[in-house]
């Protein structure tokens, strides 16, 4: 089955290439960016400004292939792509939770952004803690990862060759 998505806007961030980027939005504290919504979707932003955080779904537009087994940033061992957040996925869909600072017309000002500049935006959802926050009881292979997550930055391992 073919599924076609259309961008509803684009992401503006200080990251022009993956190298040195934070690997998750929770590790991008204070990094600001903008979401530019296409005019035909602006009406859909009504009442979004009442939320402190939003979930962004986007297309990893700089990834041209997928791998079912990858070496993630937090481990030197290969893992199945579905047990990681690596961008080389069968459907290159990314997800980030960012802080919403302000809605200004078709521009969303956000913070804690970990997304490449120019990334096509697929959807926005409000972050609702009582629906979206779970107490984790196990984290798979990440439980054995002995690393300082705040120090890990993206490299070029998932970039287009």
N, C-alpha and C. Protein backbone atom coordinates (compact mmCIF):
# COMPACT_ATOMS: atom_id res chain seq x y z
N UNK A 1 0.84 -1.17 0.00
CA UNK A 1 0.00 0.00 0.00
C UNK A 1 0.89 1.24 0.00
N UNK A 2 0.64 2.14 -0.91
CA UNK A 2 1.38 3.38 -0.95
C UNK A 2 0.68 4.42 -0.08
N UNK A 3 1.46 5.13 0.71
CA UNK A 3 0.94 6.18 1.57
C UNK A 3 1.66 7.47 1.19
N UNK A 4 0.91 8.52 0.95
CA UNK A 4 1.51 9.79 0.55
C UNK A 4 1.22 10.83 1.62
N UNK A 5 2.28 11.48 2.10
CA UNK A 5 2.15 12.58 3.04
C UNK A 5 2.51 13.87 2.35
N UNK A 6 1.91 14.97 2.78
CA UNK A 6 2.25 16.29 2.29
C UNK A 6 2.73 17.11 3.47
N UNK A 7 3.76 17.86 3.26
CA UNK A 7 4.29 18.73 4.29
C UNK A 7 3.28 19.81 4.64
N UNK A 8 3.17 20.11 5.93
CA UNK A 8 2.31 21.21 6.36
C UNK A 8 3.14 22.45 6.67
N UNK A 9 4.45 22.33 6.54
CA UNK A 9 5.35 23.44 6.82
C UNK A 9 6.78 22.96 6.88
N UNK A 10 7.64 23.81 7.40
CA UNK A 10 9.05 23.43 7.50
C UNK A 10 9.63 23.92 8.82
N UNK A 11 10.75 23.31 9.17
CA UNK A 11 11.40 23.58 10.44
C UNK A 11 12.64 24.43 10.20
N UNK A 12 12.78 25.49 10.99
CA UNK A 12 13.94 26.36 10.93
C UNK A 12 14.73 26.12 12.21
N UNK A 13 15.99 25.73 12.06
CA UNK A 13 16.82 25.46 13.24
C UNK A 13 18.25 25.91 12.95
N UNK A 14 19.07 25.98 13.98
CA UNK A 14 20.46 26.36 13.76
C UNK A 14 21.33 25.23 13.19
N UNK A 15 20.76 24.05 12.96
CA UNK A 15 21.54 22.88 12.55
C UNK A 15 21.46 22.67 11.05
N UNK A 16 22.54 23.01 10.36
CA UNK A 16 22.57 22.87 8.90
C UNK A 16 23.05 21.50 8.45
N UNK A 17 23.70 20.76 9.33
CA UNK A 17 24.08 19.38 9.04
C UNK A 17 24.02 18.59 10.35
N UNK A 18 23.93 17.26 10.24
CA UNK A 18 23.73 16.45 11.45
C UNK A 18 24.89 16.47 12.44
N UNK A 19 26.10 16.66 11.96
CA UNK A 19 27.25 16.57 12.85
C UNK A 19 27.20 17.63 13.94
N UNK A 20 27.26 17.17 15.19
CA UNK A 20 27.25 18.06 16.34
C UNK A 20 25.88 18.41 16.87
N UNK A 21 24.84 17.90 16.24
CA UNK A 21 23.47 18.16 16.67
C UNK A 21 23.15 17.35 17.93
N UNK A 22 22.27 17.86 18.79
CA UNK A 22 21.79 17.03 19.90
C UNK A 22 21.03 15.83 19.32
N UNK A 23 21.11 14.69 20.01
CA UNK A 23 20.48 13.48 19.47
C UNK A 23 19.03 13.32 19.89
N UNK A 24 18.56 14.13 20.82
CA UNK A 24 17.16 14.11 21.25
C UNK A 24 16.81 15.52 21.73
N UNK A 25 15.53 15.88 21.65
CA UNK A 25 15.13 17.23 22.05
C UNK A 25 15.36 17.49 23.54
N UNK A 26 15.28 16.47 24.38
CA UNK A 26 15.53 16.67 25.80
C UNK A 26 17.00 17.01 26.08
N UNK A 27 17.87 16.76 25.09
CA UNK A 27 19.29 17.08 25.23
C UNK A 27 19.64 18.37 24.48
N UNK A 28 18.63 19.08 23.98
CA UNK A 28 18.83 20.32 23.22
C UNK A 28 18.32 21.51 24.03
N UNK A 29 18.49 21.46 25.34
CA UNK A 29 17.97 22.51 26.22
C UNK A 29 18.42 23.90 25.78
N UNK A 30 17.43 24.78 25.57
CA UNK A 30 17.72 26.16 25.23
C UNK A 30 17.90 26.44 23.74
N UNK A 31 18.00 25.41 22.91
CA UNK A 31 18.20 25.62 21.48
C UNK A 31 16.86 26.03 20.86
N UNK A 32 16.85 27.23 20.27
CA UNK A 32 15.59 27.75 19.73
C UNK A 32 15.49 27.57 18.23
N UNK A 33 14.27 27.48 17.76
CA UNK A 33 13.98 27.35 16.34
C UNK A 33 12.57 27.84 16.06
N UNK A 34 12.17 27.67 14.81
CA UNK A 34 10.83 28.10 14.39
C UNK A 34 10.21 27.01 13.53
N UNK A 35 8.92 26.95 13.58
CA UNK A 35 8.14 26.10 12.70
C UNK A 35 7.34 27.04 11.82
N UNK A 36 7.52 26.94 10.52
CA UNK A 36 6.81 27.79 9.58
C UNK A 36 5.70 26.95 8.94
N UNK A 37 4.46 27.31 9.24
CA UNK A 37 3.30 26.57 8.76
C UNK A 37 2.83 27.18 7.44
N UNK A 38 2.51 26.33 6.48
CA UNK A 38 1.99 26.80 5.21
C UNK A 38 0.64 27.50 5.43
N UNK A 39 0.35 28.54 4.64
CA UNK A 39 -0.87 29.34 4.86
C UNK A 39 -2.17 28.52 4.94
N UNK A 40 -2.29 27.48 4.13
CA UNK A 40 -3.54 26.71 4.12
C UNK A 40 -3.77 25.90 5.40
N UNK A 41 -2.79 25.84 6.29
CA UNK A 41 -2.93 25.07 7.53
C UNK A 41 -2.96 25.95 8.78
N UNK A 42 -2.85 27.26 8.63
CA UNK A 42 -2.78 28.16 9.78
C UNK A 42 -4.00 28.05 10.68
N UNK A 43 -5.18 27.89 10.12
CA UNK A 43 -6.40 27.78 10.92
C UNK A 43 -6.30 26.62 11.91
N UNK A 44 -5.55 25.58 11.57
CA UNK A 44 -5.37 24.43 12.45
C UNK A 44 -4.55 24.72 13.70
N UNK A 45 -3.94 25.90 13.77
CA UNK A 45 -3.16 26.29 14.95
C UNK A 45 -4.02 26.88 16.06
N UNK A 46 -5.31 27.06 15.78
CA UNK A 46 -6.21 27.66 16.78
C UNK A 46 -6.12 26.88 18.10
N UNK A 47 -5.88 27.59 19.18
CA UNK A 47 -5.82 27.09 20.56
C UNK A 47 -4.55 26.31 20.89
N UNK A 48 -3.63 26.19 19.94
CA UNK A 48 -2.37 25.48 20.23
C UNK A 48 -1.53 26.25 21.25
N UNK A 49 -1.67 27.58 21.27
CA UNK A 49 -0.85 28.40 22.16
C UNK A 49 -1.12 28.15 23.65
N UNK A 50 -2.14 27.38 23.99
CA UNK A 50 -2.40 27.04 25.38
C UNK A 50 -1.57 25.88 25.90
N UNK A 51 -0.78 25.25 25.03
CA UNK A 51 0.04 24.10 25.43
C UNK A 51 1.49 24.52 25.62
N UNK A 52 2.14 23.95 26.62
CA UNK A 52 3.54 24.30 26.87
C UNK A 52 4.49 23.54 25.94
N UNK A 53 4.10 22.35 25.50
CA UNK A 53 4.94 21.52 24.64
C UNK A 53 4.11 20.94 23.49
N UNK A 54 4.79 20.70 22.39
CA UNK A 54 4.13 20.08 21.24
C UNK A 54 4.98 18.95 20.70
N UNK A 55 4.32 18.01 20.06
CA UNK A 55 4.99 16.88 19.42
C UNK A 55 5.07 17.19 17.93
N UNK A 56 6.27 17.15 17.38
CA UNK A 56 6.47 17.38 15.96
C UNK A 56 6.76 16.05 15.27
N UNK A 57 6.05 15.77 14.20
CA UNK A 57 6.31 14.61 13.36
C UNK A 57 6.84 15.16 12.04
N UNK A 58 7.96 14.63 11.59
CA UNK A 58 8.62 15.21 10.42
C UNK A 58 9.31 14.13 9.60
N UNK A 59 9.73 14.54 8.43
CA UNK A 59 10.38 13.62 7.49
C UNK A 59 11.89 13.82 7.54
N UNK A 60 12.63 12.74 7.77
CA UNK A 60 14.10 12.78 7.71
C UNK A 60 14.50 12.90 6.25
N UNK A 61 14.42 14.11 5.71
CA UNK A 61 14.59 14.35 4.28
C UNK A 61 16.02 14.18 3.78
N UNK A 62 16.98 14.11 4.66
CA UNK A 62 18.37 13.92 4.24
C UNK A 62 18.82 12.46 4.32
N UNK A 63 17.90 11.57 4.63
CA UNK A 63 18.19 10.14 4.71
C UNK A 63 17.63 9.49 3.44
N UNK A 64 18.51 8.79 2.70
CA UNK A 64 18.07 8.24 1.42
C UNK A 64 17.97 6.71 1.40
N UNK A 65 18.15 6.09 2.54
CA UNK A 65 18.07 4.62 2.58
C UNK A 65 17.69 4.20 3.99
N UNK A 66 17.34 2.94 4.12
CA UNK A 66 17.06 2.43 5.45
C UNK A 66 17.92 1.19 5.70
N UNK A 67 18.12 0.94 6.97
CA UNK A 67 18.82 -0.26 7.43
C UNK A 67 17.98 -0.86 8.53
N UNK A 68 17.91 -2.17 8.56
CA UNK A 68 17.14 -2.83 9.61
C UNK A 68 17.97 -3.07 10.87
N UNK A 69 19.29 -3.01 10.72
CA UNK A 69 20.19 -3.12 11.86
C UNK A 69 21.15 -1.93 11.79
N UNK A 70 21.24 -1.17 12.90
CA UNK A 70 22.07 0.03 12.94
C UNK A 70 22.88 0.07 14.23
N UNK A 71 23.94 0.87 14.22
CA UNK A 71 24.69 1.16 15.45
C UNK A 71 24.24 2.54 15.91
N UNK A 72 23.45 2.61 16.97
CA UNK A 72 22.93 3.90 17.44
C UNK A 72 24.02 4.74 18.11
N UNK A 73 23.70 6.00 18.35
CA UNK A 73 24.66 6.91 18.98
C UNK A 73 25.05 6.47 20.38
N UNK A 74 24.18 5.75 21.08
CA UNK A 74 24.43 5.43 22.48
C UNK A 74 25.04 4.05 22.71
N UNK A 75 25.47 3.37 21.64
CA UNK A 75 26.05 2.04 21.80
C UNK A 75 26.90 1.71 20.58
N UNK A 76 27.94 0.93 20.78
CA UNK A 76 28.78 0.50 19.67
C UNK A 76 28.32 -0.82 19.07
N UNK A 77 27.29 -1.40 19.65
CA UNK A 77 26.78 -2.68 19.17
C UNK A 77 25.59 -2.45 18.24
N UNK A 78 25.43 -3.29 17.23
CA UNK A 78 24.27 -3.15 16.34
C UNK A 78 22.97 -3.59 17.02
N UNK A 79 21.90 -2.87 16.69
CA UNK A 79 20.57 -3.16 17.20
C UNK A 79 19.56 -3.04 16.07
N UNK A 80 18.44 -3.72 16.18
CA UNK A 80 17.36 -3.56 15.20
C UNK A 80 16.89 -2.12 15.20
N UNK A 81 16.64 -1.58 14.03
CA UNK A 81 16.28 -0.17 13.91
C UNK A 81 15.04 0.18 14.75
N UNK A 82 14.12 -0.76 14.92
CA UNK A 82 12.92 -0.48 15.70
C UNK A 82 13.18 -0.45 17.21
N UNK A 83 14.39 -0.86 17.63
CA UNK A 83 14.80 -0.75 19.03
C UNK A 83 15.70 0.47 19.23
N UNK A 84 15.72 1.37 18.22
CA UNK A 84 16.51 2.59 18.28
C UNK A 84 15.67 3.77 17.79
N UNK A 85 16.27 4.95 17.86
CA UNK A 85 15.63 6.13 17.28
C UNK A 85 16.42 6.63 16.07
N UNK A 86 17.18 5.75 15.47
CA UNK A 86 18.00 6.10 14.31
C UNK A 86 17.11 6.57 13.15
N UNK A 87 17.58 7.52 12.35
CA UNK A 87 16.78 8.04 11.24
C UNK A 87 16.71 7.14 10.01
N UNK A 88 17.59 6.16 9.88
CA UNK A 88 17.57 5.28 8.70
C UNK A 88 16.51 4.20 8.89
N UNK A 89 15.25 4.61 8.77
CA UNK A 89 14.11 3.74 9.02
C UNK A 89 13.39 3.46 7.71
N UNK A 90 12.61 2.37 7.64
CA UNK A 90 11.85 2.11 6.41
C UNK A 90 10.97 3.30 6.00
N UNK A 91 10.37 3.96 6.96
CA UNK A 91 9.66 5.22 6.72
C UNK A 91 10.39 6.27 7.56
N UNK A 92 11.04 7.19 6.90
CA UNK A 92 11.91 8.15 7.60
C UNK A 92 11.10 9.22 8.33
N UNK A 93 10.40 8.79 9.37
CA UNK A 93 9.58 9.69 10.17
C UNK A 93 10.27 9.94 11.50
N UNK A 94 10.42 11.21 11.82
CA UNK A 94 11.02 11.60 13.09
C UNK A 94 9.97 12.17 14.03
N UNK A 95 10.29 12.17 15.31
CA UNK A 95 9.39 12.67 16.35
C UNK A 95 10.22 13.43 17.37
N UNK A 96 9.81 14.63 17.69
CA UNK A 96 10.47 15.42 18.74
C UNK A 96 9.41 16.12 19.56
N UNK A 97 9.66 16.22 20.85
CA UNK A 97 8.80 16.99 21.74
C UNK A 97 9.56 18.27 22.06
N UNK A 98 8.98 19.41 21.70
CA UNK A 98 9.65 20.69 21.91
C UNK A 98 8.77 21.60 22.76
N UNK A 99 9.40 22.57 23.37
CA UNK A 99 8.69 23.56 24.17
C UNK A 99 8.13 24.63 23.22
N UNK A 100 6.86 24.93 23.34
CA UNK A 100 6.22 25.96 22.52
C UNK A 100 6.32 27.29 23.26
N UNK A 101 7.04 28.23 22.67
CA UNK A 101 7.24 29.54 23.30
C UNK A 101 6.15 30.53 22.92
N UNK A 102 5.79 30.51 21.61
CA UNK A 102 4.84 31.51 21.13
C UNK A 102 4.29 31.08 19.77
N UNK A 103 3.03 31.41 19.53
CA UNK A 103 2.42 31.25 18.21
C UNK A 103 2.22 32.66 17.67
N UNK A 104 2.81 32.92 16.51
CA UNK A 104 2.76 34.25 15.91
C UNK A 104 2.36 34.09 14.44
N UNK A 105 1.05 34.16 14.18
CA UNK A 105 0.56 33.94 12.82
C UNK A 105 0.84 32.51 12.40
N UNK A 106 1.63 32.34 11.34
CA UNK A 106 1.97 31.00 10.86
C UNK A 106 3.32 30.51 11.39
N UNK A 107 3.87 31.22 12.36
CA UNK A 107 5.18 30.87 12.93
C UNK A 107 5.02 30.39 14.37
N UNK A 108 5.57 29.21 14.64
CA UNK A 108 5.64 28.70 16.01
C UNK A 108 7.08 28.88 16.48
N UNK A 109 7.27 29.60 17.56
CA UNK A 109 8.59 29.75 18.15
C UNK A 109 8.75 28.63 19.18
N UNK A 110 9.81 27.85 19.04
CA UNK A 110 10.00 26.67 19.89
C UNK A 110 11.39 26.65 20.49
N UNK A 111 11.54 25.80 21.50
CA UNK A 111 12.83 25.64 22.18
C UNK A 111 13.07 24.15 22.39
N UNK A 112 14.34 23.79 22.52
CA UNK A 112 14.79 22.41 22.72
C UNK A 112 14.66 21.62 21.41
N UNK A 113 15.04 22.26 20.32
CA UNK A 113 14.87 21.66 19.00
C UNK A 113 16.13 20.87 18.61
N UNK A 114 15.92 19.70 18.07
CA UNK A 114 17.01 18.78 17.69
C UNK A 114 16.84 18.32 16.24
N UNK A 115 16.38 19.21 15.38
CA UNK A 115 15.99 18.85 14.02
C UNK A 115 16.79 19.69 13.03
N UNK A 116 17.14 19.09 11.89
CA UNK A 116 17.88 19.80 10.85
C UNK A 116 17.08 20.96 10.27
N UNK A 117 17.75 22.02 9.94
CA UNK A 117 17.13 23.16 9.28
C UNK A 117 16.55 22.73 7.94
N UNK A 118 15.35 23.19 7.63
CA UNK A 118 14.71 22.86 6.36
C UNK A 118 13.94 21.56 6.35
N UNK A 119 13.85 20.88 7.47
CA UNK A 119 13.13 19.61 7.53
C UNK A 119 11.64 19.81 7.29
N UNK A 120 11.04 18.99 6.41
CA UNK A 120 9.60 19.09 6.18
C UNK A 120 8.80 18.58 7.38
N UNK A 121 7.82 19.37 7.80
CA UNK A 121 6.96 19.03 8.91
C UNK A 121 5.74 18.28 8.40
N UNK A 122 5.42 17.15 9.02
CA UNK A 122 4.26 16.34 8.63
C UNK A 122 3.04 16.60 9.50
N UNK A 123 3.26 16.82 10.80
CA UNK A 123 2.12 17.00 11.70
C UNK A 123 2.59 17.60 13.02
N UNK A 124 1.63 18.15 13.75
CA UNK A 124 1.84 18.70 15.10
C UNK A 124 0.75 18.12 15.98
N UNK A 125 1.13 17.73 17.18
CA UNK A 125 0.15 17.27 18.16
C UNK A 125 0.50 17.93 19.49
N UNK A 126 -0.49 18.27 20.29
CA UNK A 126 -0.17 18.82 21.61
C UNK A 126 0.38 17.73 22.51
N UNK A 127 1.36 18.07 23.32
CA UNK A 127 1.88 17.13 24.32
C UNK A 127 0.98 17.23 25.54
N UNK A 128 0.42 16.11 25.94
CA UNK A 128 -0.49 16.05 27.09
C UNK A 128 0.07 15.01 28.06
N UNK A 129 0.68 15.46 29.17
CA UNK A 129 1.35 14.52 30.08
C UNK A 129 0.49 13.34 30.51
N UNK A 130 -0.80 13.55 30.79
CA UNK A 130 -1.61 12.42 31.27
C UNK A 130 -1.86 11.38 30.18
N UNK A 131 -1.63 11.73 28.91
CA UNK A 131 -1.75 10.78 27.81
C UNK A 131 -0.40 10.28 27.33
N UNK A 132 0.60 11.14 27.40
CA UNK A 132 1.88 10.88 26.72
C UNK A 132 3.02 10.47 27.63
N UNK A 133 2.87 10.59 28.92
CA UNK A 133 3.96 10.29 29.84
C UNK A 133 3.68 8.99 30.58
N UNK A 134 4.59 8.05 30.43
CA UNK A 134 4.48 6.76 31.11
C UNK A 134 5.68 6.57 32.02
N UNK A 135 5.46 5.89 33.11
CA UNK A 135 6.58 5.50 33.95
C UNK A 135 7.24 4.30 33.30
N UNK A 136 8.50 4.43 32.97
CA UNK A 136 9.22 3.36 32.29
C UNK A 136 9.68 2.30 33.28
N UNK A 137 9.48 1.05 32.93
CA UNK A 137 9.94 -0.02 33.80
C UNK A 137 11.15 -0.73 33.21
N UNK A 138 11.35 -0.61 31.90
CA UNK A 138 12.55 -1.18 31.30
C UNK A 138 12.89 -0.42 30.03
N UNK A 139 14.18 -0.33 29.74
CA UNK A 139 14.66 0.40 28.58
C UNK A 139 15.54 -0.45 27.68
N UNK A 140 15.30 -1.75 27.67
CA UNK A 140 16.04 -2.62 26.76
C UNK A 140 17.55 -2.46 26.86
N UNK A 141 18.21 -2.44 25.70
CA UNK A 141 19.67 -2.36 25.65
C UNK A 141 20.20 -1.05 26.24
N UNK A 142 19.36 -0.01 26.31
CA UNK A 142 19.82 1.27 26.86
C UNK A 142 20.14 1.19 28.35
N UNK A 143 19.57 0.22 29.04
CA UNK A 143 19.86 0.07 30.46
C UNK A 143 21.34 -0.24 30.70
N UNK A 144 21.98 -0.86 29.71
CA UNK A 144 23.39 -1.23 29.83
C UNK A 144 24.32 -0.14 29.30
N UNK A 145 23.77 0.86 28.63
CA UNK A 145 24.59 1.94 28.06
C UNK A 145 25.21 2.74 29.20
N UNK A 146 26.52 2.78 29.21
CA UNK A 146 27.26 3.50 30.24
C UNK A 146 27.80 4.79 29.62
N UNK A 147 26.94 5.79 29.58
CA UNK A 147 27.35 7.02 28.91
C UNK A 147 26.65 8.22 29.54
N UNK A 148 27.22 9.38 29.33
CA UNK A 148 26.62 10.64 29.75
C UNK A 148 25.83 11.14 28.55
N UNK A 149 24.52 10.96 28.59
CA UNK A 149 23.67 11.28 27.45
C UNK A 149 23.81 12.73 27.00
N UNK A 150 24.02 13.63 27.93
CA UNK A 150 24.14 15.04 27.60
C UNK A 150 25.37 15.36 26.77
N UNK A 151 26.36 14.50 26.81
CA UNK A 151 27.60 14.74 26.06
C UNK A 151 27.56 14.16 24.65
N UNK A 152 26.61 13.30 24.36
CA UNK A 152 26.53 12.66 23.05
C UNK A 152 25.93 13.62 22.04
N UNK A 153 26.59 13.79 20.90
CA UNK A 153 26.10 14.61 19.80
C UNK A 153 26.05 13.75 18.55
N UNK A 154 25.26 14.18 17.60
CA UNK A 154 25.13 13.47 16.34
C UNK A 154 26.45 13.52 15.57
N UNK A 155 26.69 12.48 14.80
CA UNK A 155 27.81 12.48 13.87
C UNK A 155 27.22 12.19 12.49
N UNK A 156 28.02 11.79 11.54
CA UNK A 156 27.51 11.58 10.17
C UNK A 156 27.15 10.13 9.87
N UNK A 157 27.00 9.28 10.87
CA UNK A 157 26.77 7.86 10.61
C UNK A 157 25.47 7.58 9.84
N UNK A 158 24.48 8.47 9.90
CA UNK A 158 23.22 8.22 9.21
C UNK A 158 23.01 9.17 8.04
N UNK A 159 24.03 9.94 7.67
CA UNK A 159 23.90 10.90 6.58
C UNK A 159 23.98 10.24 5.22
N UNK A 160 23.50 10.98 4.24
CA UNK A 160 23.60 10.52 2.85
C UNK A 160 25.08 10.43 2.49
N UNK A 161 25.47 9.31 1.87
CA UNK A 161 26.87 9.14 1.48
C UNK A 161 27.22 9.99 0.29
